[in-house]
Amino acid sequence: MSVNQETSSEQAALWNGSAGRAWVDAQQSLDRLFMPFENLLVDEARAASAHRVLDVGCGTGATTLAVARALGGEGHCVGADISEPMVAAARARARAEREGTPASFICGDVQRHAFEPGSFDLIVSRFGVMFFDSPVQAFANLRHAARDGTALRVIAWRSAAENPFMTTAERAAAPLLPNLPVRQPGGPGQFAFADRQRVSAILEESGWAGIDVRPIDVECTLPERDLIGYLTRLGPVGLILQNADERTRAQVVDTVRAAFDPYVHGTEVRFTAACWMIGAQAPSAPAVPAEATRV
């Protein structure tokens, strides 16, 4: 098995196992936390006058459904994700929506899924593209699925150093959890797209043009009552705590919760998310000279 296949299998196992189930359990809290990003992508869909949209790494479907609502009866939004638990939750949410919401979901690996060529006129993602083991292959496949002129609008995290909130738990827990995994620069993982030049190079190599990688800083809030659930279920610390003994768990929770105090303001947790708004366009295929068509 190749390194890429091993990485892909690891990601599939992670998101179809404990990490995927944790995201389903925390769906409402995470949707509230990341709603500002969802709104940005809905605005992009409206501005593009899109009719058929692909939401990459759709998770439990919040952005897919929000875009679908914005399209109304004029289009359709397809969410795609590798996680069966999250896609099942997304489909359940879609069924609970009012009848006729133009959304559907695919459970599959976007890097390799056989999309119909030229079937989308907008591709979006809210934190769903940083986990590819072969990002060039993934974005080339997305280019294949895009019509000429299709816009790509992707939100991804900048560096860990610019997002201290996101690494607070593991920094605080590290002395207590010697088996805590170390993040690998370049991913796959949350900060895989931290390097702007690398992101531009990936998109260029995979066939996209008009590349624009722009920093955005977004204020995010979380109810303080949800903080313990957030730090004990999600991220590297949350995954380890799911199998920790009670003594270790209690010690880690107390230590990590105290480390979040600077972000707690009364009943709210507040932090600034440092991200990229990544834009690109699917170029028109070059015209074939008449001589080339002659036999």
C-alpha atoms as a PDB file:
ATOM      1  CA  MET A   1       0.000   0.000   0.000  1.00  0.00           C
ATOM      2  CA  SER A   2       1.325   3.461  -0.885  1.00  0.00           C
ATOM      3  CA  VAL A   3       1.846   6.228   1.674  1.00  0.00           C
ATOM      4  CA  ASN A   4      -1.079   8.157   0.174  1.00  0.00           C
ATOM      5  CA  GLN A   5      -3.351   5.126   0.414  1.00  0.00           C
ATOM      6  CA  GLU A   6      -2.313   4.623   4.037  1.00  0.00           C
ATOM      7  CA  THR A   7      -3.018   8.285   4.830  1.00  0.00           C
ATOM      8  CA  SER A   8      -6.360   8.117   3.060  1.00  0.00           C
ATOM      9  CA  SER A   9      -7.254   4.986   5.038  1.00  0.00           C
ATOM     10  CA  GLU A  10      -6.271   6.736   8.264  1.00  0.00           C
ATOM     11  CA  GLN A  11      -8.491   9.706   7.447  1.00  0.00           C
ATOM     12  CA  ALA A  12     -11.392   7.426   6.487  1.00  0.00           C
ATOM     13  CA  ALA A  13     -11.009   5.464   9.735  1.00  0.00           C
ATOM     14  CA  LEU A  14     -10.804   8.664  11.795  1.00  0.00           C
ATOM     15  CA  TRP A  15     -13.877  10.343  10.316  1.00  0.00           C
ATOM     16  CA  ASN A  16     -15.925   7.152  10.178  1.00  0.00           C
ATOM     17  CA  GLY A  17     -15.022   6.400  13.787  1.00  0.00           C
ATOM     18  CA  SER A  18     -14.699   8.424  16.959  1.00  0.00           C
ATOM     19  CA  ALA A  19     -14.007  11.798  15.318  1.00  0.00           C
ATOM     20  CA  GLY A  20     -17.044  11.567  13.058  1.00  0.00           C
ATOM     21  CA  ARG A  21     -19.310  10.505  15.895  1.00  0.00           C
ATOM     22  CA  ALA A  22     -17.999  13.341  18.070  1.00  0.00           C
ATOM     23  CA  TRP A  23     -18.822  15.896  15.381  1.00  0.00           C
ATOM     24  CA  VAL A  24     -22.336  14.485  15.059  1.00  0.00           C
ATOM     25  CA  ASP A  25     -22.838  14.722  18.820  1.00  0.00           C
ATOM     26  CA  ALA A  26     -21.533  18.315  18.849  1.00  0.00           C
ATOM     27  CA  GLN A  27     -23.458  19.321  15.714  1.00  0.00           C
ATOM     28  CA  GLN A  28     -25.545  22.115  17.208  1.00  0.00           C
ATOM     29  CA  SER A  29     -22.647  23.672  19.097  1.00  0.00           C
ATOM     30  CA  LEU A  30     -20.306  23.543  16.088  1.00  0.00           C
ATOM     31  CA  ASP A  31     -22.946  24.932  13.733  1.00  0.00           C
ATOM     32  CA  ARG A  32     -23.381  27.912  16.046  1.00  0.00           C
ATOM     33  CA  LEU A  33     -19.621  28.346  16.370  1.00  0.00           C
ATOM     34  CA  PHE A  34     -18.968  28.321  12.622  1.00  0.00           C
ATOM     35  CA  MET A  35     -22.089  30.109  11.412  1.00  0.00           C
ATOM     36  CA  PRO A  36     -20.141  33.262  10.393  1.00  0.00           C
ATOM     37  CA  PHE A  37     -18.249  31.142   7.846  1.00  0.00           C
ATOM     38  CA  GLU A  38     -21.442  29.515   6.629  1.00  0.00           C
ATOM     39  CA  ASN A  39     -22.871  32.994   6.041  1.00  0.00           C
ATOM     40  CA  LEU A  40     -19.810  34.008   4.008  1.00  0.00           C
ATOM     41  CA  LEU A  41     -20.258  31.026   1.700  1.00  0.00           C
ATOM     42  CA  VAL A  42     -23.986  31.616   1.335  1.00  0.00           C
ATOM     43  CA  ASP A  43     -23.163  35.177   0.250  1.00  0.00           C
ATOM     44  CA  GLU A  44     -20.722  33.749  -2.321  1.00  0.00           C
ATOM     45  CA  ALA A  45     -23.424  31.469  -3.697  1.00  0.00           C
ATOM     46  CA  ARG A  46     -25.836  34.373  -4.049  1.00  0.00           C
ATOM     47  CA  ALA A  47     -23.195  36.579  -5.690  1.00  0.00           C
ATOM     48  CA  ALA A  48     -22.323  33.840  -8.170  1.00  0.00           C
ATOM     49  CA  SER A  49     -25.987  33.299  -9.116  1.00  0.00           C
ATOM     50  CA  ALA A  50     -25.137  29.629  -8.860  1.00  0.00           C
ATOM     51  CA  HIS A  51     -27.549  26.872  -9.873  1.00  0.00           C
ATOM     52  CA  ARG A  52     -25.651  23.695  -9.017  1.00  0.00           C
ATOM     53  CA  VAL A  53     -23.254  23.875  -6.050  1.00  0.00           C
ATOM     54  CA  LEU A  54     -20.877  21.315  -4.516  1.00  0.00           C
ATOM     55  CA  ASP A  55     -20.041  21.610  -0.795  1.00  0.00           C
ATOM     56  CA  VAL A  56     -16.764  19.755  -0.155  1.00  0.00           C
ATOM     57  CA  GLY A  57     -16.300  18.135   3.249  1.00  0.00           C
ATOM     58  CA  CYS A  58     -19.883  18.960   4.143  1.00  0.00           C
ATOM     59  CA  GLY A  59     -19.841  17.279   7.556  1.00  0.00           C
ATOM     60  CA  THR A  60     -23.312  17.224   9.077  1.00  0.00           C
ATOM     61  CA  GLY A  61     -24.685  19.429   6.323  1.00  0.00           C
ATOM     62  CA  ALA A  62     -25.173  22.898   7.814  1.00  0.00           C
ATOM     63  CA  THR A  63     -23.523  24.788   4.945  1.00  0.00           C
ATOM     64  CA  THR A  64     -25.030  22.531   2.272  1.00  0.00           C
ATOM     65  CA  LEU A  65     -28.528  23.186   3.574  1.00  0.00           C
ATOM     66  CA  ALA A  66     -27.917  26.920   4.055  1.00  0.00           C
ATOM     67  CA  VAL A  67     -26.731  27.251   0.451  1.00  0.00           C
ATOM     68  CA  ALA A  68     -29.664  25.149  -0.747  1.00  0.00           C
ATOM     69  CA  ARG A  69     -32.084  27.465   1.041  1.00  0.00           C
ATOM     70  CA  ALA A  70     -30.435  30.463  -0.606  1.00  0.00           C
ATOM     71  CA  LEU A  71     -30.791  28.834  -4.033  1.00  0.00           C
ATOM     72  CA  GLY A  72     -34.484  28.192  -3.418  1.00  0.00           C
ATOM     73  CA  GLY A  73     -36.172  26.466  -6.324  1.00  0.00           C
ATOM     74  CA  GLU A  74     -33.573  27.771  -8.754  1.00  0.00           C
ATOM     75  CA  GLY A  75     -30.808  25.263  -8.062  1.00  0.00           C
ATOM     76  CA  HIS A  76     -29.417  22.367  -6.067  1.00  0.00           C
ATOM     77  CA  CYS A  77     -26.583  21.932  -3.545  1.00  0.00           C
ATOM     78  CA  VAL A  78     -24.741  18.627  -3.185  1.00  0.00           C
ATOM     79  CA  GLY A  79     -22.746  17.932  -0.017  1.00  0.00           C
ATOM     80  CA  ALA A  80     -19.878  15.433  -0.141  1.00  0.00           C
ATOM     81  CA  ASP A  81     -17.968  13.920   2.784  1.00  0.00           C
ATOM     82  CA  ILE A  82     -15.951  10.807   3.582  1.00  0.00           C
ATOM     83  CA  SER A  83     -17.703  10.307   6.944  1.00  0.00           C
ATOM     84  CA  GLU A  84     -20.706   7.999   6.947  1.00  0.00           C
ATOM     85  CA  PRO A  85     -21.898   9.132  10.403  1.00  0.00           C
ATOM     86  CA  MET A  86     -21.811  12.789   9.398  1.00  0.00           C
ATOM     87  CA  VAL A  87     -23.456  12.217   6.021  1.00  0.00           C
ATOM     88  CA  ALA A  88     -26.190  10.170   7.731  1.00  0.00           C
ATOM     89  CA  ALA A  89     -26.777  13.103  10.096  1.00  0.00           C
ATOM     90  CA  ALA A  90     -26.834  15.521   7.154  1.00  0.00           C
ATOM     91  CA  ARG A  91     -29.414  13.420   5.314  1.00  0.00           C
ATOM     92  CA  ALA A  92     -31.564  13.268   8.446  1.00  0.00           C
ATOM     93  CA  ARG A  93     -31.397  17.062   8.721  1.00  0.00           C
ATOM     94  CA  ALA A  94     -32.389  17.405   5.076  1.00  0.00           C
ATOM     95  CA  ARG A  95     -35.409  15.165   5.609  1.00  0.00           C
ATOM     96  CA  ALA A  96     -36.430  17.315   8.582  1.00  0.00           C
ATOM     97  CA  GLU A  97     -36.247  20.485   6.470  1.00  0.00           C
ATOM     98  CA  ARG A  98     -39.296  21.787   4.715  1.00  0.00           C
ATOM     99  CA  GLU A  99     -40.260  19.660   1.723  1.00  0.00           C
ATOM    100  CA  GLY A 100     -38.487  20.597  -1.463  1.00  0.00           C
ATOM    101  CA  THR A 101     -35.191  21.899  -0.023  1.00  0.00           C
ATOM    102  CA  PRO A 102     -32.841  21.371  -3.004  1.00  0.00           C
ATOM    103  CA  ALA A 103     -30.041  19.439  -1.288  1.00  0.00           C
ATOM    104  CA  SER A 104     -28.554  15.955  -1.485  1.00  0.00           C
ATOM    105  CA  PHE A 105     -25.485  14.205  -0.105  1.00  0.00           C
ATOM    106  CA  ILE A 106     -22.693  11.931  -1.311  1.00  0.00           C
ATOM    107  CA  CYS A 107     -20.644   9.763   1.042  1.00  0.00           C
ATOM    108  CA  GLY A 108     -17.301   9.307  -0.660  1.00  0.00           C
ATOM    109  CA  ASP A 109     -13.703  10.432  -1.058  1.00  0.00           C
ATOM    110  CA  VAL A 110     -13.735  13.694  -3.028  1.00  0.00           C
ATOM    111  CA  GLN A 111     -10.195  12.978  -4.203  1.00  0.00           C
ATOM    112  CA  ARG A 112     -11.388   9.981  -6.195  1.00  0.00           C
ATOM    113  CA  HIS A 113     -15.168  10.229  -6.524  1.00  0.00           C
ATOM    114  CA  ALA A 114     -16.443   9.899 -10.098  1.00  0.00           C
ATOM    115  CA  PHE A 115     -18.266  13.217 -10.382  1.00  0.00           C
ATOM    116  CA  GLU A 116     -20.083  13.901 -13.627  1.00  0.00           C
ATOM    117  CA  PRO A 117     -17.772  16.143 -15.680  1.00  0.00           C
ATOM    118  CA  GLY A 118     -18.694  19.818 -15.701  1.00  0.00           C
ATOM    119  CA  SER A 119     -21.665  19.327 -13.387  1.00  0.00           C
ATOM    120  CA  PHE A 120     -21.176  22.253 -10.940  1.00  0.00           C
ATOM    121  CA  ASP A 121     -21.055  26.013 -11.392  1.00  0.00           C
ATOM    122  CA  LEU A 122     -19.832  26.772  -7.839  1.00  0.00           C
ATOM    123  CA  ILE A 123     -17.692  24.742  -5.434  1.00  0.00           C
ATOM    124  CA  VAL A 124     -17.520  25.756  -1.760  1.00  0.00           C
ATOM    125  CA  SER A 125     -16.068  24.360   1.434  1.00  0.00           C
ATOM    126  CA  ARG A 126     -16.110  25.332   5.093  1.00  0.00           C
ATOM    127  CA  PHE A 127     -13.025  23.721   6.647  1.00  0.00           C
ATOM    128  CA  GLY A 128     -13.418  20.597   4.528  1.00  0.00           C
ATOM    129  CA  VAL A 129     -10.352  20.539   2.265  1.00  0.00           C
ATOM    130  CA  MET A 130      -7.406  20.300   4.690  1.00  0.00           C
ATOM    131  CA  PHE A 131      -7.589  16.523   5.138  1.00  0.00           C
ATOM    132  CA  PHE A 132      -6.681  15.327   1.648  1.00  0.00           C
ATOM    133  CA  ASP A 133      -3.658  13.039   1.447  1.00  0.00           C
ATOM    134  CA  SER A 134      -3.196  14.194  -2.166  1.00  0.00           C
ATOM    135  CA  PRO A 135      -4.551  17.750  -2.440  1.00  0.00           C
ATOM    136  CA  VAL A 136      -3.445  18.198  -6.071  1.00  0.00           C
ATOM    137  CA  GLN A 137      -5.379  15.075  -7.040  1.00  0.00           C
ATOM    138  CA  ALA A 138      -8.383  16.289  -5.049  1.00  0.00           C
ATOM    139  CA  PHE A 139      -8.504  19.746  -6.618  1.00  0.00           C
ATOM    140  CA  ALA A 140      -7.865  18.292 -10.092  1.00  0.00           C
ATOM    141  CA  ASN A 141     -10.883  16.053  -9.558  1.00  0.00           C
ATOM    142  CA  LEU A 142     -12.913  19.071  -8.456  1.00  0.00           C
ATOM    143  CA  ARG A 143     -11.766  20.926 -11.572  1.00  0.00           C
ATOM    144  CA  HIS A 144     -13.030  17.955 -13.587  1.00  0.00           C
ATOM    145  CA  ALA A 145     -16.411  18.301 -11.852  1.00  0.00           C
ATOM    146  CA  ALA A 146     -16.583  22.056 -12.549  1.00  0.00           C
ATOM    147  CA  ARG A 147     -17.914  23.754 -15.623  1.00  0.00           C
ATOM    148  CA  ASP A 148     -15.665  26.230 -17.393  1.00  0.00           C
ATOM    149  CA  GLY A 149     -15.858  29.486 -15.463  1.00  0.00           C
ATOM    150  CA  THR A 150     -16.942  27.830 -12.202  1.00  0.00           C
ATOM    151  CA  ALA A 151     -15.854  29.670  -9.058  1.00  0.00           C
ATOM    152  CA  LEU A 152     -14.102  27.899  -6.195  1.00  0.00           C
ATOM    153  CA  ARG A 153     -14.616  29.443  -2.743  1.00  0.00           C
ATOM    154  CA  VAL A 154     -12.938  27.624   0.134  1.00  0.00           C
ATOM    155  CA  ILE A 155     -12.376  28.608   3.769  1.00  0.00           C
ATOM    156  CA  ALA A 156      -9.393  27.030   5.544  1.00  0.00           C
ATOM    157  CA  TRP A 157      -7.416  27.725   8.700  1.00  0.00           C
ATOM    158  CA  ARG A 158      -4.220  29.732   8.635  1.00  0.00           C
ATOM    159  CA  SER A 159      -1.393  28.634  10.940  1.00  0.00           C
ATOM    160  CA  ALA A 160      -1.612  27.159  14.418  1.00  0.00           C
ATOM    161  CA  ALA A 161       0.422  30.115  15.707  1.00  0.00           C
ATOM    162  CA  GLU A 162      -2.307  32.487  14.471  1.00  0.00           C
ATOM    163  CA  ASN A 163      -5.038  30.343  16.054  1.00  0.00           C
ATOM    164  CA  PRO A 164      -4.006  29.836  19.699  1.00  0.00           C
ATOM    165  CA  PHE A 165      -7.574  29.000  20.747  1.00  0.00           C
ATOM    166  CA  MET A 166      -7.495  25.918  18.531  1.00  0.00           C
ATOM    167  CA  THR A 167      -4.369  24.516  20.196  1.00  0.00           C
ATOM    168  CA  THR A 168      -5.079  25.578  23.795  1.00  0.00           C
ATOM    169  CA  ALA A 169      -6.304  22.123  24.833  1.00  0.00           C
ATOM    170  CA  GLU A 170      -3.315  20.185  23.535  1.00  0.00           C
ATOM    171  CA  ARG A 171      -0.770  22.687  24.883  1.00  0.00           C
ATOM    172  CA  ALA A 172      -2.336  22.492  28.341  1.00  0.00           C
ATOM    173  CA  ALA A 173      -2.785  18.709  28.259  1.00  0.00           C
ATOM    174  CA  ALA A 174       0.614  17.786  26.798  1.00  0.00           C
ATOM    175  CA  PRO A 175       2.375  17.330  30.194  1.00  0.00           C
ATOM    176  CA  LEU A 176      -0.417  14.983  31.304  1.00  0.00           C
ATOM    177  CA  LEU A 177      -0.826  12.988  28.090  1.00  0.00           C
ATOM    178  CA  PRO A 178       2.533  11.668  26.858  1.00  0.00           C
ATOM    179  CA  ASN A 179       0.814   9.836  23.983  1.00  0.00           C
ATOM    180  CA  LEU A 180      -0.770  13.015  22.624  1.00  0.00           C
ATOM    181  CA  PRO A 181      -0.050  13.009  18.861  1.00  0.00           C
ATOM    182  CA  VAL A 182       2.058  15.827  17.454  1.00  0.00           C
ATOM    183  CA  ARG A 183       0.542  17.737  14.546  1.00  0.00           C
ATOM    184  CA  GLN A 184       2.447  17.138  11.309  1.00  0.00           C
ATOM    185  CA  PRO A 185       3.161  20.337   9.337  1.00  0.00           C
ATOM    186  CA  GLY A 186       1.599  20.172   5.901  1.00  0.00           C
ATOM    187  CA  GLY A 187      -1.162  17.839   7.011  1.00  0.00           C
ATOM    188  CA  PRO A 188      -3.450  16.158   6.397  1.00  0.00           C
ATOM    189  CA  GLY A 189      -5.000  18.052   9.259  1.00  0.00           C
ATOM    190  CA  GLN A 190      -6.541  21.261  10.479  1.00  0.00           C
ATOM    191  CA  PHE A 191      -3.596  23.511   9.545  1.00  0.00           C
ATOM    192  CA  ALA A 192      -2.535  21.780   6.329  1.00  0.00           C
ATOM    193  CA  PHE A 193      -3.287  24.927   4.303  1.00  0.00           C
ATOM    194  CA  ALA A 194      -1.432  27.351   6.579  1.00  0.00           C
ATOM    195  CA  ASP A 195       1.152  28.234   3.892  1.00  0.00           C
ATOM    196  CA  ARG A 196      -0.379  30.608   1.341  1.00  0.00           C
ATOM    197  CA  GLN A 197       2.234  29.836  -1.322  1.00  0.00           C
ATOM    198  CA  ARG A 198       1.626  26.097  -0.951  1.00  0.00           C
ATOM    199  CA  VAL A 199      -2.115  26.613  -1.366  1.00  0.00           C
ATOM    200  CA  SER A 200      -1.581  28.655  -4.533  1.00  0.00           C
ATOM    201  CA  ALA A 201       0.801  26.042  -5.915  1.00  0.00           C
ATOM    202  CA  ILE A 202      -1.686  23.217  -5.253  1.00  0.00           C
ATOM    203  CA  LEU A 203      -4.473  25.039  -7.067  1.00  0.00           C
ATOM    204  CA  GLU A 204      -2.285  26.031  -9.993  1.00  0.00           C
ATOM    205  CA  GLU A 205      -0.948  22.502 -10.434  1.00  0.00           C
ATOM    206  CA  SER A 206      -4.461  21.043 -10.298  1.00  0.00           C
ATOM    207  CA  GLY A 207      -5.741  23.239 -13.129  1.00  0.00           C
ATOM    208  CA  TRP A 208      -7.347  26.240 -11.452  1.00  0.00           C
ATOM    209  CA  ALA A 209      -6.745  29.866 -12.444  1.00  0.00           C
ATOM    210  CA  GLY A 210      -7.439  33.330 -11.004  1.00  0.00           C
ATOM    211  CA  ILE A 211      -6.127  32.172  -7.637  1.00  0.00           C
ATOM    212  CA  ASP A 212      -6.708  34.541  -4.718  1.00  0.00           C
ATOM    213  CA  VAL A 213      -5.735  33.528  -1.177  1.00  0.00           C
ATOM    214  CA  ARG A 214      -6.950  36.269   1.142  1.00  0.00           C
ATOM    215  CA  PRO A 215      -6.658  36.396   4.960  1.00  0.00           C
ATOM    216  CA  ILE A 216      -9.869  36.821   6.932  1.00  0.00           C
ATOM    217  CA  ASP A 217     -10.220  37.207  10.699  1.00  0.00           C
ATOM    218  CA  VAL A 218     -13.615  36.162  12.005  1.00  0.00           C
ATOM    219  CA  GLU A 219     -15.025  36.596  15.507  1.00  0.00           C
ATOM    220  CA  CYS A 220     -16.484  33.346  16.838  1.00  0.00           C
ATOM    221  CA  THR A 221     -18.522  32.624  19.948  1.00  0.00           C
ATOM    222  CA  LEU A 222     -19.468  29.515  21.875  1.00  0.00           C
ATOM    223  CA  PRO A 223     -21.760  29.271  24.918  1.00  0.00           C
ATOM    224  CA  GLU A 224     -19.598  28.701  27.999  1.00  0.00           C
ATOM    225  CA  ARG A 225     -21.846  25.788  28.942  1.00  0.00           C
ATOM    226  CA  ASP A 226     -20.667  23.983  25.771  1.00  0.00           C
ATOM    227  CA  LEU A 227     -16.954  24.407  26.471  1.00  0.00           C
ATOM    228  CA  ILE A 228     -16.411  21.224  28.476  1.00  0.00           C
ATOM    229  CA  GLY A 229     -18.112  19.166  25.783  1.00  0.00           C
ATOM    230  CA  TYR A 230     -16.005  20.889  23.139  1.00  0.00           C
ATOM    231  CA  LEU A 231     -12.661  20.200  24.811  1.00  0.00           C
ATOM    232  CA  THR A 232     -13.481  16.643  25.904  1.00  0.00           C
ATOM    233  CA  ARG A 233     -14.836  15.350  22.581  1.00  0.00           C
ATOM    234  CA  LEU A 234     -13.070  17.213  19.776  1.00  0.00           C
ATOM    235  CA  GLY A 235      -9.501  17.559  18.568  1.00  0.00           C
ATOM    236  CA  PRO A 236      -6.472  15.476  19.608  1.00  0.00           C
ATOM    237  CA  VAL A 237      -7.200  15.821  23.332  1.00  0.00           C
ATOM    238  CA  GLY A 238     -10.850  14.907  22.928  1.00  0.00           C
ATOM    239  CA  LEU A 239      -9.984  11.753  20.996  1.00  0.00           C
ATOM    240  CA  ILE A 240      -7.560  10.540  23.691  1.00  0.00           C
ATOM    241  CA  LEU A 241      -9.957  11.376  26.547  1.00  0.00           C
ATOM    242  CA  GLN A 242     -12.589   9.090  25.053  1.00  0.00           C
ATOM    243  CA  ASN A 243     -10.433   6.133  26.183  1.00  0.00           C
ATOM    244  CA  ALA A 244      -8.742   7.637  29.260  1.00  0.00           C
ATOM    245  CA  ASP A 245      -9.268   6.361  32.784  1.00  0.00           C
ATOM    246  CA  GLU A 246     -11.401   8.490  35.112  1.00  0.00           C
ATOM    247  CA  ARG A 247      -8.490   9.858  37.140  1.00  0.00           C
ATOM    248  CA  THR A 248      -6.571  10.983  34.071  1.00  0.00           C
ATOM    249  CA  ARG A 249      -9.696  12.358  32.466  1.00  0.00           C
ATOM    250  CA  ALA A 250     -10.612  14.468  35.514  1.00  0.00           C
ATOM    251  CA  GLN A 251      -7.080  15.832  35.832  1.00  0.00           C
ATOM    252  CA  VAL A 252      -6.874  16.741  32.152  1.00  0.00           C
ATOM    253  CA  VAL A 253     -10.327  18.330  32.087  1.00  0.00           C
ATOM    254  CA  ASP A 254      -9.555  20.539  35.082  1.00  0.00           C
ATOM    255  CA  THR A 255      -6.204  21.623  33.650  1.00  0.00           C
ATOM    256  CA  VAL A 256      -7.480  22.261  30.144  1.00  0.00           C
ATOM    257  CA  ARG A 257     -10.628  24.074  31.261  1.00  0.00           C
ATOM    258  CA  ALA A 258      -8.506  26.508  33.290  1.00  0.00           C
ATOM    259  CA  ALA A 259      -6.342  27.172  30.229  1.00  0.00           C
ATOM    260  CA  PHE A 260      -9.417  28.473  28.377  1.00  0.00           C
ATOM    261  CA  ASP A 261     -10.165  31.127  31.027  1.00  0.00           C
ATOM    262  CA  PRO A 262      -8.742  34.008  28.923  1.00  0.00           C
ATOM    263  CA  TYR A 263     -11.391  33.289  26.284  1.00  0.00           C
ATOM    264  CA  VAL A 264     -14.359  33.129  28.671  1.00  0.00           C
ATOM    265  CA  HIS A 265     -16.430  36.287  29.007  1.00  0.00           C
ATOM    266  CA  GLY A 266     -19.421  35.674  31.233  1.00  0.00           C
ATOM    267  CA  THR A 267     -21.678  33.162  29.518  1.00  0.00           C
ATOM    268  CA  GLU A 268     -19.723  33.233  26.238  1.00  0.00           C
ATOM    269  CA  VAL A 269     -16.425  31.923  24.915  1.00  0.00           C
ATOM    270  CA  ARG A 270     -14.959  34.297  22.329  1.00  0.00           C
ATOM    271  CA  PHE A 271     -11.993  34.033  20.009  1.00  0.00           C
ATOM    272  CA  THR A 272     -10.792  35.252  16.625  1.00  0.00           C
ATOM    273  CA  ALA A 273     -10.412  32.629  13.903  1.00  0.00           C
ATOM    274  CA  ALA A 274      -7.530  33.365  11.515  1.00  0.00           C
ATOM    275  CA  CYS A 275      -8.418  31.837   8.177  1.00  0.00           C
ATOM    276  CA  TRP A 276      -7.962  32.039   4.428  1.00  0.00           C
ATOM    277  CA  MET A 277     -10.735  32.779   1.968  1.00  0.00           C
ATOM    278  CA  ILE A 278      -9.388  30.874  -1.007  1.00  0.00           C
ATOM    279  CA  GLY A 279     -10.775  31.774  -4.404  1.00  0.00           C
ATOM    280  CA  ALA A 280     -10.103  30.409  -7.881  1.00  0.00           C
ATOM    281  CA  GLN A 281     -11.822  29.878 -11.203  1.00  0.00           C
ATOM    282  CA  ALA A 282     -12.044  26.970 -13.592  1.00  0.00           C
ATOM    283  CA  PRO A 283     -10.504  28.300 -16.816  1.00  0.00           C
ATOM    284  CA  SER A 284     -12.193  27.769 -20.151  1.00  0.00           C
ATOM    285  CA  ALA A 285     -10.695  24.945 -22.143  1.00  0.00           C
ATOM    286  CA  PRO A 286      -8.471  26.268 -24.950  1.00  0.00           C
ATOM    287  CA  ALA A 287     -10.066  26.258 -28.372  1.00  0.00           C
ATOM    288  CA  VAL A 288      -8.904  23.441 -30.648  1.00  0.00           C
ATOM    289  CA  PRO A 289      -7.461  24.812 -33.933  1.00  0.00           C
ATOM    290  CA  ALA A 290      -9.448  23.795 -36.983  1.00  0.00           C
ATOM    291  CA  GLU A 291      -6.384  22.036 -38.424  1.00  0.00           C
ATOM    292  CA  ALA A 292      -6.255  19.755 -35.393  1.00  0.00           C
ATOM    293  CA  THR A 293      -9.753  18.460 -36.100  1.00  0.00           C
ATOM    294  CA  ARG A 294      -8.957  17.407 -39.650  1.00  0.00           C
ATOM    295  CA  VAL A 295      -8.183  13.776 -40.402  1.00  0.00           C
END
